[in-house]
Amino acid sequence: MLIKMLVGISGPFYTLDPGDEFHFPDDEAGRLIDAGFAIPVVEQPIERAVKASAPERRGKRGRDVVPTEGDNAGE
């Protein structure tokens, strides 16, 4: 069983710090969880809702920069 350590422990084949994940046999993992030294890791990916991005806006904002014919602006 995959568990996540809440405390540091070490053994003859491993040294684990808090936050480390490690595969233990089910009976040993159960003892570590019952003692409060670890928590089980959910092996299925968790779907998370994602906020949709704002729609892209393209178009004119304000006045045209270049005058059109007959505008006589700037003459």
N, C-alpha and C. Protein backbone atom coordinates (compact mmCIF):
# COMPACT_ATOMS: atom_id res chain seq x y z
N MET A 1 0.86 -1.17 0.00
CA MET A 1 0.00 0.00 0.00
C MET A 1 0.90 1.24 0.00
N LEU A 2 0.52 2.23 -0.76
CA LEU A 2 1.27 3.49 -0.82
C LEU A 2 0.79 4.39 0.30
N ILE A 3 1.74 4.85 1.14
CA ILE A 3 1.39 5.74 2.24
C ILE A 3 2.30 6.96 2.21
N LYS A 4 1.81 8.03 2.83
CA LYS A 4 2.58 9.27 2.93
C LYS A 4 2.94 9.45 4.40
N MET A 5 4.22 9.63 4.65
CA MET A 5 4.70 9.71 6.02
C MET A 5 4.39 11.07 6.64
N LEU A 6 3.98 11.04 7.91
CA LEU A 6 3.74 12.27 8.67
C LEU A 6 4.93 12.56 9.60
N VAL A 7 5.74 11.53 9.85
CA VAL A 7 6.93 11.65 10.70
C VAL A 7 8.08 10.97 9.98
N GLY A 8 9.28 11.22 10.42
CA GLY A 8 10.44 10.56 9.84
C GLY A 8 10.68 9.21 10.51
N ILE A 9 10.97 8.19 9.71
CA ILE A 9 11.34 6.88 10.23
C ILE A 9 12.46 6.32 9.38
N SER A 10 13.17 5.35 9.92
CA SER A 10 14.19 4.67 9.12
C SER A 10 14.20 3.20 9.47
N GLY A 11 14.66 2.41 8.54
CA GLY A 11 14.76 0.97 8.72
C GLY A 11 16.01 0.50 8.00
N PRO A 12 16.21 -0.79 7.91
CA PRO A 12 17.42 -1.30 7.27
C PRO A 12 17.48 -1.03 5.76
N PHE A 13 16.32 -0.77 5.12
CA PHE A 13 16.30 -0.59 3.68
C PHE A 13 15.77 0.77 3.23
N TYR A 14 15.44 1.64 4.18
CA TYR A 14 14.87 2.94 3.81
C TYR A 14 15.07 3.96 4.92
N THR A 15 15.07 5.21 4.54
CA THR A 15 15.02 6.35 5.46
C THR A 15 14.00 7.30 4.87
N LEU A 16 12.94 7.56 5.63
CA LEU A 16 11.84 8.38 5.12
C LEU A 16 11.66 9.62 5.98
N ASP A 17 11.46 10.73 5.33
CA ASP A 17 11.19 12.01 6.00
C ASP A 17 9.70 12.31 5.93
N PRO A 18 9.20 13.24 6.75
CA PRO A 18 7.79 13.63 6.65
C PRO A 18 7.49 14.12 5.23
N GLY A 19 6.38 13.64 4.66
CA GLY A 19 5.98 14.01 3.31
C GLY A 19 6.41 12.99 2.26
N ASP A 20 7.35 12.09 2.59
CA ASP A 20 7.77 11.07 1.64
C ASP A 20 6.67 10.04 1.45
N GLU A 21 6.56 9.49 0.23
CA GLU A 21 5.61 8.43 -0.08
C GLU A 21 6.39 7.15 -0.31
N PHE A 22 5.85 6.04 0.20
CA PHE A 22 6.57 4.77 0.12
C PHE A 22 5.57 3.62 0.08
N HIS A 23 5.90 2.56 -0.66
CA HIS A 23 5.06 1.36 -0.72
C HIS A 23 5.48 0.41 0.40
N PHE A 24 4.55 0.09 1.28
CA PHE A 24 4.76 -0.88 2.34
C PHE A 24 3.80 -2.04 2.13
N PRO A 25 4.12 -3.22 2.68
CA PRO A 25 3.12 -4.29 2.68
C PRO A 25 1.88 -3.81 3.44
N ASP A 26 0.72 -4.32 3.07
CA ASP A 26 -0.55 -3.84 3.63
C ASP A 26 -0.60 -3.89 5.16
N ASP A 27 -0.08 -4.96 5.76
CA ASP A 27 -0.16 -5.07 7.23
C ASP A 27 0.73 -4.03 7.91
N GLU A 28 1.93 -3.82 7.38
CA GLU A 28 2.82 -2.81 7.97
C GLU A 28 2.29 -1.40 7.75
N ALA A 29 1.75 -1.16 6.56
CA ALA A 29 1.17 0.16 6.27
C ALA A 29 0.00 0.43 7.22
N GLY A 30 -0.81 -0.57 7.48
CA GLY A 30 -1.93 -0.42 8.40
C GLY A 30 -1.47 -0.06 9.80
N ARG A 31 -0.39 -0.69 10.26
CA ARG A 31 0.15 -0.37 11.59
C ARG A 31 0.66 1.06 11.65
N LEU A 32 1.34 1.51 10.60
CA LEU A 32 1.86 2.89 10.58
C LEU A 32 0.72 3.90 10.55
N ILE A 33 -0.35 3.59 9.81
CA ILE A 33 -1.51 4.50 9.76
C ILE A 33 -2.22 4.52 11.11
N ASP A 34 -2.43 3.34 11.71
CA ASP A 34 -3.09 3.27 13.02
C ASP A 34 -2.30 4.00 14.10
N ALA A 35 -0.97 4.00 14.00
CA ALA A 35 -0.12 4.67 14.99
C ALA A 35 -0.07 6.18 14.78
N GLY A 36 -0.62 6.66 13.63
CA GLY A 36 -0.61 8.09 13.35
C GLY A 36 0.68 8.56 12.71
N PHE A 37 1.49 7.61 12.22
CA PHE A 37 2.76 7.97 11.58
C PHE A 37 2.61 8.25 10.09
N ALA A 38 1.47 7.84 9.49
CA ALA A 38 1.30 7.96 8.05
C ALA A 38 -0.18 8.05 7.70
N ILE A 39 -0.43 8.43 6.45
CA ILE A 39 -1.79 8.44 5.91
C ILE A 39 -1.76 7.71 4.56
N PRO A 40 -2.87 7.06 4.17
CA PRO A 40 -2.89 6.39 2.87
C PRO A 40 -2.91 7.42 1.74
N VAL A 41 -2.31 7.04 0.63
CA VAL A 41 -2.29 7.91 -0.56
C VAL A 41 -3.34 7.41 -1.52
N VAL A 42 -4.18 8.32 -1.99
CA VAL A 42 -5.20 7.98 -2.99
C VAL A 42 -4.48 7.80 -4.32
N GLU A 43 -4.61 6.63 -4.90
CA GLU A 43 -3.87 6.34 -6.12
C GLU A 43 -4.61 6.77 -7.38
N GLN A 44 -5.88 7.15 -7.25
CA GLN A 44 -6.62 7.62 -8.41
C GLN A 44 -6.42 9.13 -8.54
N PRO A 45 -6.23 9.62 -9.76
CA PRO A 45 -6.08 11.06 -9.92
C PRO A 45 -7.36 11.79 -9.53
N ILE A 46 -7.21 12.93 -8.93
CA ILE A 46 -8.35 13.73 -8.50
C ILE A 46 -8.64 14.78 -9.56
N GLU A 47 -9.88 14.82 -10.03
CA GLU A 47 -10.27 15.84 -11.01
C GLU A 47 -10.57 17.13 -10.28
N ARG A 48 -10.05 18.21 -10.80
CA ARG A 48 -10.28 19.51 -10.18
C ARG A 48 -10.97 20.43 -11.20
N ALA A 49 -11.90 21.20 -10.70
CA ALA A 49 -12.58 22.16 -11.56
C ALA A 49 -11.62 23.29 -11.90
N VAL A 50 -11.66 23.71 -13.14
CA VAL A 50 -10.79 24.79 -13.59
C VAL A 50 -11.67 25.92 -14.07
N LYS A 51 -11.39 27.11 -13.59
CA LYS A 51 -12.17 28.27 -14.01
C LYS A 51 -11.89 28.53 -15.49
N ALA A 52 -12.96 28.71 -16.26
CA ALA A 52 -12.82 28.98 -17.69
C ALA A 52 -12.18 30.35 -17.88
N SER A 53 -11.31 30.44 -18.87
CA SER A 53 -10.67 31.71 -19.14
C SER A 53 -11.67 32.68 -19.78
N ALA A 54 -11.39 33.95 -19.63
CA ALA A 54 -12.27 34.98 -20.20
C ALA A 54 -12.19 34.91 -21.72
N PRO A 55 -13.30 35.16 -22.41
CA PRO A 55 -13.26 35.14 -23.87
C PRO A 55 -12.36 36.25 -24.40
N GLU A 56 -11.70 35.96 -25.50
CA GLU A 56 -10.80 36.95 -26.10
C GLU A 56 -11.63 38.04 -26.75
N ARG A 57 -11.21 39.27 -26.53
CA ARG A 57 -11.93 40.41 -27.12
C ARG A 57 -11.06 41.01 -28.20
N ARG A 58 -11.59 41.05 -29.38
CA ARG A 58 -10.90 41.72 -30.49
C ARG A 58 -11.88 42.67 -31.13
N GLY A 59 -11.42 43.81 -31.42
CA GLY A 59 -12.28 44.79 -32.05
C GLY A 59 -11.79 46.19 -31.75
N LYS A 60 -12.52 47.16 -32.25
CA LYS A 60 -12.13 48.54 -32.08
C LYS A 60 -12.44 49.01 -30.68
N ARG A 61 -11.55 49.75 -30.15
CA ARG A 61 -11.77 50.41 -28.87
C ARG A 61 -11.53 51.89 -29.09
N GLY A 62 -12.51 52.67 -28.83
CA GLY A 62 -12.33 54.11 -28.97
C GLY A 62 -12.33 54.54 -30.42
N ARG A 63 -11.66 55.65 -30.69
CA ARG A 63 -11.63 56.26 -32.01
C ARG A 63 -10.53 55.68 -32.89
N ASP A 64 -10.75 55.70 -34.21
CA ASP A 64 -9.72 55.27 -35.15
C ASP A 64 -8.52 56.19 -35.04
N VAL A 65 -7.34 55.64 -35.21
CA VAL A 65 -6.11 56.44 -35.14
C VAL A 65 -5.88 57.16 -36.46
N VAL A 66 -6.18 56.50 -37.57
CA VAL A 66 -5.97 57.09 -38.89
C VAL A 66 -7.29 57.68 -39.37
N PRO A 67 -7.31 58.98 -39.72
CA PRO A 67 -8.57 59.57 -40.18
C PRO A 67 -9.00 58.99 -41.53
N THR A 68 -10.29 58.95 -41.77
CA THR A 68 -10.82 58.47 -43.04
C THR A 68 -10.99 59.65 -43.98
N GLU A 69 -11.33 59.41 -45.24
CA GLU A 69 -11.50 60.49 -46.21
C GLU A 69 -12.56 61.46 -45.78
N GLY A 70 -12.32 62.72 -46.01
CA GLY A 70 -13.30 63.75 -45.71
C GLY A 70 -13.33 64.13 -44.25
N ASP A 71 -12.46 63.58 -43.44
CA ASP A 71 -12.46 63.90 -42.02
C ASP A 71 -11.79 65.23 -41.75
N ASN A 72 -10.80 65.60 -42.61
CA ASN A 72 -10.04 66.84 -42.53
C ASN A 72 -9.37 67.02 -41.17
N ALA A 73 -9.17 65.98 -40.50
CA ALA A 73 -8.50 66.10 -39.18
C ALA A 73 -7.02 66.24 -39.39
N GLY A 74 -6.43 67.18 -38.71
CA GLY A 74 -4.99 67.38 -38.76
C GLY A 74 -4.51 68.18 -39.94
N GLU A 75 -5.40 68.78 -40.76
CA GLU A 75 -4.95 69.58 -41.89
C GLU A 75 -5.06 71.04 -41.60
